[in-house]
Protein backbone atom coordinates (compact mmCIF):
# COMPACT_ATOMS: atom_id res chain seq x y z
CA LEU A 1 17.19 7.46 -14.82
CA ARG A 2 18.19 4.04 -12.92
CA GLN A 3 20.22 6.36 -10.69
CA SER A 4 17.71 8.83 -9.83
CA ARG A 5 15.01 5.82 -9.42
CA ARG A 6 17.77 4.26 -6.68
CA GLY A 7 18.25 7.95 -5.17
CA GLY A 8 14.27 8.20 -4.65
CA ARG A 9 14.36 4.55 -3.19
CA ARG A 10 17.15 5.51 -0.87
CA ILE A 11 14.79 8.93 0.00
CA LEU A 12 11.48 6.94 0.63
CA ALA A 13 13.32 4.03 2.82
CA ALA A 14 15.02 7.15 4.67
CA LEU A 15 11.80 8.73 5.15
CA ALA A 16 10.02 5.43 6.30
CA CYS A 17 12.85 4.87 8.78
CA ALA A 18 12.30 8.45 10.14
CA VAL A 19 8.89 8.05 10.51
CA LEU A 20 8.66 4.20 12.03
CA ALA A 21 11.26 5.93 14.72
CA LEU A 22 8.60 8.59 15.62
CA VAL A 23 6.27 5.83 15.88
CA LEU A 24 8.41 3.71 18.31
CA ILE A 25 9.12 6.70 20.09
CA ALA A 26 5.42 7.58 20.25
CA ALA A 27 4.31 4.46 20.85
CA GLY A 28 6.18 4.10 24.53
CA PRO A 29 6.55 0.82 26.24
CA ALA A 30 8.48 -1.97 24.21
CA GLU A 31 5.66 -4.23 24.67
CA ALA A 32 3.59 -2.06 22.46
CA ARG A 33 1.38 -4.40 19.68
CA ARG A 34 2.80 -2.99 16.22
CA LEU A 35 1.49 -4.82 13.23
CA ALA A 36 2.48 -4.25 9.53
CA LEU A 37 0.75 -5.64 6.18
CA ILE A 38 3.18 -5.61 3.49
CA VAL A 39 2.11 -6.15 -0.26
CA GLY A 40 4.69 -6.41 -3.36
CA ASN A 41 2.88 -6.79 -6.62
CA ALA A 42 5.14 -7.64 -9.43
CA ASP A 43 3.78 -10.24 -11.64
CA TYR A 44 1.08 -8.94 -13.26
CA ARG A 45 -0.74 -10.88 -15.92
CA HIS A 46 -2.72 -8.33 -18.02
CA VAL A 47 -0.62 -5.41 -17.39
CA SER A 48 3.04 -4.60 -17.52
CA PRO A 49 4.96 -6.44 -14.74
CA LEU A 50 7.31 -4.58 -12.59
CA ASN A 51 10.51 -5.14 -11.34
CA ASN A 52 11.42 -4.48 -8.08
CA ALA A 53 7.71 -4.48 -6.23
CA VAL A 54 8.18 -7.49 -4.43
CA ASN A 55 12.08 -6.85 -3.54
CA ASP A 56 10.91 -3.45 -2.08
CA ALA A 57 8.08 -5.41 -0.22
CA ARG A 58 10.69 -8.14 1.25
CA ALA A 59 13.15 -5.27 1.99
CA MET A 60 10.20 -3.23 4.19
CA SER A 61 9.13 -6.71 5.51
CA ASP A 62 12.68 -7.50 7.01
CA ALA A 63 13.59 -3.77 8.25
CA LEU A 64 9.92 -3.67 10.45
CA GLU A 65 10.49 -7.04 11.66
CA ARG A 66 14.20 -5.93 13.31
CA LEU A 67 11.81 -2.64 14.46
CA GLY A 68 9.62 -5.53 16.42
CA PHE A 69 6.45 -5.48 13.96
CA GLU A 70 4.50 -8.40 13.87
CA VAL A 71 4.68 -8.92 9.90
CA THR A 72 1.96 -10.22 7.22
CA LEU A 73 3.57 -10.27 4.03
CA LEU A 74 1.69 -11.15 0.61
CA THR A 75 3.71 -11.30 -2.80
CA ASP A 76 1.51 -11.07 -5.79
CA PRO A 77 -1.94 -11.75 -4.30
CA GLY A 78 -4.84 -11.61 -6.53
CA SER A 79 -7.84 -9.53 -5.64
CA THR A 80 -9.67 -12.29 -3.20
CA ASP A 81 -6.90 -13.38 -1.63
CA PHE A 82 -5.92 -9.62 -0.52
CA ARG A 83 -9.39 -8.93 0.83
CA ALA A 84 -9.58 -12.42 2.71
CA ARG A 85 -6.30 -11.34 4.05
CA LEU A 86 -7.22 -7.71 4.66
CA ASP A 87 -10.22 -8.61 6.81
CA ALA A 88 -8.14 -10.85 8.73
CA PHE A 89 -5.43 -8.41 9.30
CA GLY A 90 -7.80 -6.19 10.52
CA ASP A 91 -9.60 -8.38 12.77
CA GLU A 92 -5.95 -9.08 14.45
CA ALA A 93 -5.52 -5.20 14.49
CA GLU A 94 -7.98 -4.23 17.06
CA GLY A 95 -6.06 -4.61 19.94
CA ALA A 96 -2.74 -2.89 18.30
CA ASP A 97 -1.22 0.12 19.45
CA SER A 98 -0.18 0.83 15.92
CA VAL A 99 -0.56 -0.86 12.42
CA LEU A 100 1.32 0.12 9.28
CA PHE A 101 0.06 -0.93 5.68
CA PHE A 102 2.67 -1.02 3.03
CA TYR A 103 1.61 -1.41 -0.73
CA SER A 104 4.44 -1.55 -3.71
CA GLY A 105 2.93 -1.84 -7.05
CA HIS A 106 0.46 -0.37 -9.93
CA ALA A 107 -1.77 2.02 -8.44
CA PHE A 108 -3.68 4.69 -10.23
CA GLN A 109 -6.52 7.66 -9.39
CA MET A 110 -10.13 7.66 -10.89
CA ASN A 111 -12.00 10.97 -10.29
CA GLY A 112 -10.15 11.76 -7.01
CA VAL A 113 -10.23 8.17 -5.98
CA ASN A 114 -7.07 5.98 -5.42
CA TYR A 115 -6.99 2.43 -6.29
CA LEU A 116 -4.57 -0.41 -6.00
CA VAL A 117 -3.87 -2.86 -9.22
CA PRO A 118 -4.10 -6.89 -8.17
CA VAL A 119 -2.09 -8.96 -10.05
CA ASP A 120 -4.79 -10.70 -11.97
CA ALA A 121 -6.85 -7.56 -12.63
CA GLU A 122 -7.66 -7.83 -16.25
CA LEU A 123 -9.19 -3.98 -16.46
CA ALA A 124 -10.79 -4.51 -19.69
CA SER A 125 -13.79 -1.74 -18.95
CA ARG A 126 -14.80 0.68 -16.82
CA ASP A 127 -16.84 -1.31 -14.36
CA ALA A 128 -14.18 -4.19 -14.53
CA VAL A 129 -11.58 -1.67 -13.25
CA LEU A 130 -14.06 -0.50 -10.20
CA ALA A 131 -14.84 -4.18 -9.33
CA GLU A 132 -11.27 -5.83 -9.64
CA THR A 133 -8.95 -3.15 -7.95
CA TRP A 134 -8.87 -2.17 -4.29
CA ASN A 135 -10.20 1.14 -3.34
CA LEU A 136 -7.33 2.70 -1.15
CA ASP A 137 -9.89 4.72 1.02
CA GLY A 138 -11.74 1.41 1.86
CA ILE A 139 -8.17 -0.31 2.85
CA ILE A 140 -7.60 2.75 5.06
CA ALA A 141 -11.00 3.07 6.66
CA ARG A 142 -10.63 -0.91 7.34
CA LEU A 143 -7.20 -0.34 9.23
CA GLN A 144 -7.45 2.96 10.70
CA ASP A 145 -8.88 3.49 14.63
CA ARG A 146 -9.03 6.31 16.69
CA GLY A 147 -7.35 4.30 19.27
CA ARG A 148 -4.15 3.68 17.41
CA GLN A 149 -1.57 4.74 14.98
CA THR A 150 -2.30 4.03 11.65
CA LEU A 151 0.69 4.11 8.84
CA ILE A 152 0.07 3.67 5.13
CA PHE A 153 3.36 3.77 2.62
CA LEU A 154 2.45 3.82 -0.94
CA ASP A 155 5.59 2.81 -3.31
CA ALA A 156 3.19 3.04 -6.47
CA CYS A 157 4.17 3.50 -10.02
CA ARG A 158 2.99 7.05 -11.42
CA ASP A 159 1.98 5.93 -14.44
CA ASP A 160 -1.38 5.18 -15.42
CA PRO A 161 -1.62 1.30 -16.12
CA LEU A 162 -5.10 1.16 -17.45
CA PRO A 163 -5.39 0.01 -21.12
CA ALA A 164 -5.79 2.72 -23.58
CA PRO A 165 -9.59 2.60 -24.25
CA VAL A 166 -10.38 2.15 -20.42
CA ARG A 167 -7.89 5.07 -19.75
CA GLY A 168 -9.91 8.07 -21.77
CA SER A 169 -13.16 7.03 -20.41
CA GLY A 170 -13.10 7.48 -16.50
CA GLY A 171 -11.39 11.17 -15.21
CA THR A 172 -7.98 8.88 -14.99
CA ALA A 173 -4.60 10.75 -14.19
CA ASP A 174 -0.84 9.99 -13.66
CA GLY A 175 0.02 10.03 -9.99
CA LEU A 176 -2.47 9.52 -7.23
CA ALA A 177 -5.08 11.83 -5.30
CA ARG A 178 -4.44 13.45 -2.35
CA ILE A 179 -6.20 11.52 0.75
CA GLN A 180 -8.51 12.52 3.65
CA THR A 181 -7.85 10.65 6.61
CA GLY A 182 -8.78 10.53 10.40
CA THR A 183 -7.22 11.51 13.42
CA GLY A 184 -3.83 9.18 14.02
CA THR A 185 -3.45 8.23 10.48
CA PHE A 186 -0.12 9.21 8.04
CA VAL A 187 0.06 8.57 4.51
CA ALA A 188 3.16 8.79 2.74
CA PHE A 189 3.37 8.26 -0.98
């Protein structure tokens, strides 16, 4: 299992590099402004912690900085901190040529909608799940713009992190749901 995870991470890294190369070629001049918001969540308080999510986020951050991206790295942000940082990043991205969002941590789908799980989410009820998590469609809507390239990379667990009583009550499923995006937006799971 450990070997297959390493192989999967190598494939993800190779894919990310290939897509980034295309972005850099398409973006044109070296002075093109490229921004990245990188989130790694590992130190969960109410669901199982993850071993490599923060390490993966740091590695992605380092690689993107070497490629000329202005990087904002968040490790283990709580829900309130993330929302504030996302809004600030979205405002800053207004003049950017390319915007990249990378997330490593727990995620799940409920009724065809994808949710990312902050480290402070308790997920005690279906209502709490909706209030405490980050709706991926909302994140994409905040970051995408017809005038720029928007790249979304999700390195999320494929198992459902919800507690058993909540898991069966809301149409959840393992893995993530297909995403519909606008022009110039690319999503990789």
